[in-house]
N, C-alpha and C. Protein backbone atom coordinates (compact mmCIF):
# COMPACT_ATOMS: atom_id res chain seq x y z
N UNK A 1 32.99 -34.85 52.11
CA UNK A 1 31.60 -35.08 51.84
C UNK A 1 30.81 -33.76 51.79
N UNK A 2 31.12 -32.87 52.70
CA UNK A 2 30.47 -31.56 52.74
C UNK A 2 30.77 -30.79 51.44
N UNK A 3 32.00 -30.94 50.96
CA UNK A 3 32.42 -30.29 49.73
C UNK A 3 31.57 -30.76 48.55
N UNK A 4 31.30 -32.07 48.51
CA UNK A 4 30.48 -32.63 47.44
C UNK A 4 29.04 -32.13 47.52
N UNK A 5 28.53 -32.07 48.74
CA UNK A 5 27.15 -31.58 48.91
C UNK A 5 27.04 -30.12 48.50
N UNK A 6 28.04 -29.32 48.88
CA UNK A 6 28.04 -27.91 48.49
C UNK A 6 28.14 -27.78 46.97
N UNK A 7 28.99 -28.58 46.38
CA UNK A 7 29.15 -28.57 44.92
C UNK A 7 27.86 -28.98 44.23
N UNK A 8 27.23 -30.02 44.79
CA UNK A 8 25.97 -30.49 44.20
C UNK A 8 24.88 -29.42 44.34
N UNK A 9 24.81 -28.76 45.48
CA UNK A 9 23.82 -27.71 45.70
C UNK A 9 24.08 -26.54 44.73
N UNK A 10 25.36 -26.22 44.54
CA UNK A 10 25.72 -25.15 43.61
C UNK A 10 25.31 -25.51 42.19
N UNK A 11 25.57 -26.74 41.79
CA UNK A 11 25.18 -27.21 40.45
C UNK A 11 23.66 -27.20 40.29
N UNK A 12 22.95 -27.59 41.33
CA UNK A 12 21.49 -27.59 41.28
C UNK A 12 20.97 -26.16 41.08
N UNK A 13 21.56 -25.19 41.77
CA UNK A 13 21.18 -23.78 41.60
C UNK A 13 21.44 -23.32 40.17
N UNK A 14 22.60 -23.68 39.67
CA UNK A 14 22.96 -23.26 38.31
C UNK A 14 22.03 -23.89 37.27
N UNK A 15 21.71 -25.18 37.47
CA UNK A 15 20.78 -25.85 36.55
C UNK A 15 19.42 -25.17 36.61
N UNK A 16 18.97 -24.86 37.81
CA UNK A 16 17.69 -24.16 37.97
C UNK A 16 17.74 -22.80 37.27
N UNK A 17 18.83 -22.08 37.44
CA UNK A 17 19.01 -20.79 36.78
C UNK A 17 19.00 -20.93 35.26
N UNK A 18 19.66 -21.98 34.77
CA UNK A 18 19.67 -22.22 33.33
C UNK A 18 18.27 -22.53 32.80
N UNK A 19 17.52 -23.32 33.57
CA UNK A 19 16.16 -23.65 33.15
C UNK A 19 15.29 -22.40 33.12
N UNK A 20 15.44 -21.55 34.11
CA UNK A 20 14.67 -20.29 34.14
C UNK A 20 15.07 -19.41 32.96
N UNK A 21 16.36 -19.35 32.70
CA UNK A 21 16.83 -18.57 31.56
C UNK A 21 16.29 -19.11 30.24
N UNK A 22 16.25 -20.44 30.13
CA UNK A 22 15.73 -21.06 28.91
C UNK A 22 14.24 -20.74 28.75
N UNK A 23 13.50 -20.78 29.85
CA UNK A 23 12.07 -20.45 29.78
C UNK A 23 11.88 -19.01 29.30
N UNK A 24 12.68 -18.09 29.84
CA UNK A 24 12.58 -16.69 29.42
C UNK A 24 12.92 -16.54 27.93
N UNK A 25 13.95 -17.27 27.49
CA UNK A 25 14.31 -17.22 26.07
C UNK A 25 13.19 -17.76 25.20
N UNK A 26 12.55 -18.84 25.65
CA UNK A 26 11.44 -19.41 24.87
C UNK A 26 10.27 -18.43 24.79
N UNK A 27 9.97 -17.78 25.90
CA UNK A 27 8.90 -16.78 25.91
C UNK A 27 9.26 -15.63 24.96
N UNK A 28 10.51 -15.18 25.04
CA UNK A 28 10.96 -14.11 24.15
C UNK A 28 10.90 -14.52 22.69
N UNK A 29 11.27 -15.76 22.41
CA UNK A 29 11.23 -16.25 21.03
C UNK A 29 9.79 -16.29 20.54
N UNK A 30 8.87 -16.73 21.38
CA UNK A 30 7.46 -16.77 20.98
C UNK A 30 6.95 -15.36 20.68
N UNK A 31 7.36 -14.39 21.50
CA UNK A 31 6.95 -13.00 21.25
C UNK A 31 7.52 -12.51 19.92
N UNK A 32 8.78 -12.84 19.66
CA UNK A 32 9.40 -12.44 18.39
C UNK A 32 8.68 -13.09 17.20
N UNK A 33 8.35 -14.36 17.34
CA UNK A 33 7.66 -15.06 16.25
C UNK A 33 6.28 -14.46 16.01
N UNK A 34 5.58 -14.13 17.08
CA UNK A 34 4.26 -13.50 16.93
C UNK A 34 4.40 -12.13 16.28
N UNK A 35 5.41 -11.39 16.70
CA UNK A 35 5.65 -10.09 16.09
C UNK A 35 5.97 -10.22 14.60
N UNK A 36 6.75 -11.23 14.27
CA UNK A 36 7.09 -11.47 12.86
C UNK A 36 5.84 -11.82 12.06
N UNK A 37 4.98 -12.66 12.62
CA UNK A 37 3.73 -13.01 11.94
C UNK A 37 2.87 -11.76 11.72
N UNK A 38 2.82 -10.91 12.72
CA UNK A 38 2.04 -9.68 12.60
C UNK A 38 2.63 -8.78 11.52
N UNK A 39 3.95 -8.68 11.49
CA UNK A 39 4.60 -7.87 10.45
C UNK A 39 4.32 -8.44 9.06
N UNK A 40 4.38 -9.76 8.93
CA UNK A 40 4.09 -10.38 7.63
C UNK A 40 2.65 -10.09 7.22
N UNK A 41 1.74 -10.16 8.17
CA UNK A 41 0.34 -9.85 7.89
C UNK A 41 0.18 -8.39 7.46
N UNK A 42 0.86 -7.50 8.17
CA UNK A 42 0.80 -6.08 7.82
C UNK A 42 1.37 -5.82 6.43
N UNK A 43 2.49 -6.47 6.11
CA UNK A 43 3.10 -6.29 4.79
C UNK A 43 2.16 -6.78 3.70
N UNK A 44 1.52 -7.93 3.93
CA UNK A 44 0.56 -8.46 2.96
C UNK A 44 -0.60 -7.48 2.77
N UNK A 45 -1.10 -6.95 3.87
CA UNK A 45 -2.20 -5.98 3.80
C UNK A 45 -1.78 -4.72 3.05
N UNK A 46 -0.56 -4.26 3.31
CA UNK A 46 -0.06 -3.07 2.61
C UNK A 46 0.08 -3.33 1.12
N UNK A 47 0.58 -4.51 0.77
CA UNK A 47 0.73 -4.86 -0.65
C UNK A 47 -0.63 -4.89 -1.35
N UNK A 48 -1.62 -5.47 -0.70
CA UNK A 48 -2.96 -5.52 -1.29
C UNK A 48 -3.54 -4.11 -1.44
N UNK A 49 -3.33 -3.30 -0.41
CA UNK A 49 -3.81 -1.92 -0.48
C UNK A 49 -3.13 -1.15 -1.59
N UNK A 50 -1.84 -1.38 -1.76
CA UNK A 50 -1.10 -0.70 -2.83
C UNK A 50 -1.61 -1.14 -4.20
N UNK A 51 -1.90 -2.42 -4.35
CA UNK A 51 -2.44 -2.90 -5.62
C UNK A 51 -3.79 -2.24 -5.92
N UNK A 52 -4.64 -2.17 -4.90
CA UNK A 52 -5.96 -1.53 -5.09
C UNK A 52 -5.78 -0.05 -5.43
N UNK A 53 -4.86 0.60 -4.74
CA UNK A 53 -4.61 2.01 -5.00
C UNK A 53 -4.12 2.23 -6.42
N UNK A 54 -3.19 1.40 -6.87
CA UNK A 54 -2.68 1.54 -8.24
C UNK A 54 -3.81 1.33 -9.25
N UNK A 55 -4.65 0.33 -8.99
CA UNK A 55 -5.77 0.07 -9.90
C UNK A 55 -6.73 1.26 -9.91
N UNK A 56 -7.01 1.80 -8.73
CA UNK A 56 -7.90 2.97 -8.65
C UNK A 56 -7.31 4.17 -9.37
N UNK A 57 -6.01 4.37 -9.23
CA UNK A 57 -5.36 5.49 -9.91
C UNK A 57 -5.47 5.32 -11.41
N UNK A 58 -5.19 4.11 -11.89
CA UNK A 58 -5.26 3.84 -13.33
C UNK A 58 -6.69 4.05 -13.83
N UNK A 59 -7.66 3.52 -13.09
CA UNK A 59 -9.07 3.70 -13.48
C UNK A 59 -9.44 5.19 -13.50
N UNK A 60 -9.02 5.91 -12.46
CA UNK A 60 -9.35 7.33 -12.38
C UNK A 60 -8.69 8.11 -13.51
N UNK A 61 -7.44 7.79 -13.81
CA UNK A 61 -6.77 8.48 -14.91
C UNK A 61 -7.48 8.22 -16.23
N UNK A 62 -7.93 6.98 -16.42
CA UNK A 62 -8.68 6.66 -17.64
C UNK A 62 -9.96 7.46 -17.72
N UNK A 63 -10.67 7.54 -16.61
CA UNK A 63 -11.92 8.30 -16.57
C UNK A 63 -11.67 9.78 -16.84
N UNK A 64 -10.67 10.34 -16.17
CA UNK A 64 -10.37 11.76 -16.36
C UNK A 64 -9.91 12.04 -17.79
N UNK A 65 -9.13 11.14 -18.36
CA UNK A 65 -8.68 11.31 -19.74
C UNK A 65 -9.88 11.33 -20.68
N UNK A 66 -10.82 10.42 -20.46
CA UNK A 66 -12.03 10.39 -21.29
C UNK A 66 -12.83 11.69 -21.14
N UNK A 67 -12.96 12.17 -19.92
CA UNK A 67 -13.70 13.41 -19.69
C UNK A 67 -13.02 14.60 -20.35
N UNK A 68 -11.69 14.64 -20.28
CA UNK A 68 -10.96 15.73 -20.93
C UNK A 68 -11.15 15.65 -22.44
N UNK A 69 -11.05 14.45 -22.99
CA UNK A 69 -11.24 14.28 -24.44
C UNK A 69 -12.65 14.70 -24.85
N UNK A 70 -13.66 14.32 -24.07
CA UNK A 70 -15.04 14.72 -24.36
C UNK A 70 -15.17 16.24 -24.32
N UNK A 71 -14.57 16.84 -23.31
CA UNK A 71 -14.64 18.30 -23.17
C UNK A 71 -14.00 18.98 -24.39
N UNK A 72 -12.84 18.49 -24.78
CA UNK A 72 -12.16 19.06 -25.96
C UNK A 72 -13.02 18.86 -27.20
N UNK A 73 -13.62 17.68 -27.32
CA UNK A 73 -14.49 17.41 -28.48
C UNK A 73 -15.67 18.38 -28.50
N UNK A 74 -16.31 18.60 -27.35
CA UNK A 74 -17.44 19.52 -27.29
C UNK A 74 -17.00 20.94 -27.65
N UNK A 75 -15.88 21.34 -27.12
CA UNK A 75 -15.37 22.69 -27.41
C UNK A 75 -15.02 22.82 -28.89
N UNK A 76 -14.44 21.77 -29.45
CA UNK A 76 -14.10 21.79 -30.88
C UNK A 76 -15.35 21.85 -31.72
N UNK A 77 -16.36 21.07 -31.36
CA UNK A 77 -17.63 21.11 -32.09
C UNK A 77 -18.25 22.51 -32.03
N UNK A 78 -18.24 23.09 -30.85
CA UNK A 78 -18.82 24.43 -30.70
C UNK A 78 -18.04 25.44 -31.55
N UNK A 79 -16.73 25.33 -31.53
CA UNK A 79 -15.91 26.24 -32.33
C UNK A 79 -16.15 26.03 -33.82
N UNK A 80 -16.25 24.78 -34.23
CA UNK A 80 -16.52 24.48 -35.64
C UNK A 80 -17.87 25.06 -36.08
N UNK A 81 -18.86 24.98 -35.21
CA UNK A 81 -20.18 25.55 -35.54
C UNK A 81 -20.07 27.06 -35.70
N UNK A 82 -19.32 27.70 -34.83
CA UNK A 82 -19.14 29.16 -34.94
C UNK A 82 -18.44 29.52 -36.25
N UNK A 83 -17.38 28.78 -36.56
CA UNK A 83 -16.65 29.03 -37.80
C UNK A 83 -17.56 28.81 -39.00
N UNK A 84 -18.36 27.76 -38.96
CA UNK A 84 -19.27 27.46 -40.07
C UNK A 84 -20.27 28.60 -40.24
N UNK A 85 -20.85 29.07 -39.13
CA UNK A 85 -21.80 30.18 -39.20
C UNK A 85 -21.13 31.44 -39.75
N UNK A 86 -19.90 31.66 -39.32
CA UNK A 86 -19.15 32.82 -39.80
C UNK A 86 -18.87 32.71 -41.30
N UNK A 87 -18.50 31.52 -41.73
CA UNK A 87 -18.25 31.30 -43.17
C UNK A 87 -19.52 31.55 -43.98
N UNK A 88 -20.64 31.08 -43.48
CA UNK A 88 -21.91 31.29 -44.17
C UNK A 88 -22.22 32.78 -44.25
N UNK A 89 -22.00 33.47 -43.14
CA UNK A 89 -22.27 34.91 -43.11
C UNK A 89 -21.34 35.64 -44.07
N UNK A 90 -20.06 35.27 -44.10
CA UNK A 90 -19.11 35.90 -45.03
C UNK A 90 -19.52 35.60 -46.46
N UNK A 91 -19.91 34.40 -46.73
CA UNK A 91 -20.36 34.01 -48.08
C UNK A 91 -21.60 34.81 -48.47
N UNK A 92 -22.53 34.96 -47.56
CA UNK A 92 -23.75 35.72 -47.83
C UNK A 92 -23.42 37.18 -48.11
N UNK A 93 -22.50 37.73 -47.33
CA UNK A 93 -22.12 39.13 -47.51
C UNK A 93 -21.37 39.33 -48.83
N UNK A 94 -20.59 38.36 -49.20
CA UNK A 94 -19.82 38.50 -50.45
C UNK A 94 -20.73 38.43 -51.66
N UNK A 95 -21.89 37.81 -51.57
CA UNK A 95 -22.84 37.72 -52.68
C UNK A 95 -23.61 39.01 -52.86
N UNK A 96 -23.69 39.79 -51.87
CA UNK A 96 -24.49 41.02 -51.96
C UNK A 96 -23.81 42.11 -52.70
């Protein structure tokens, strides 16, 4: 009878230990799940930020390209005016 009581007490301890272990595992699993949710949120935020950054880069490149083209156009116009004035002067000199 004493053997059975000792065995039962031992089993009760082991069951209690298993329950405590299960509780710790559940707490750990909840922490992992929360961490995973946070990572998913961070990944989503990074993806949105990357999309905005790409759009901003494309917009900026378009703006800079337009400014460069305008600058080249202005420089070309100025050069054409100089050439035109020079041609007029050469023409005037050749008539004299």
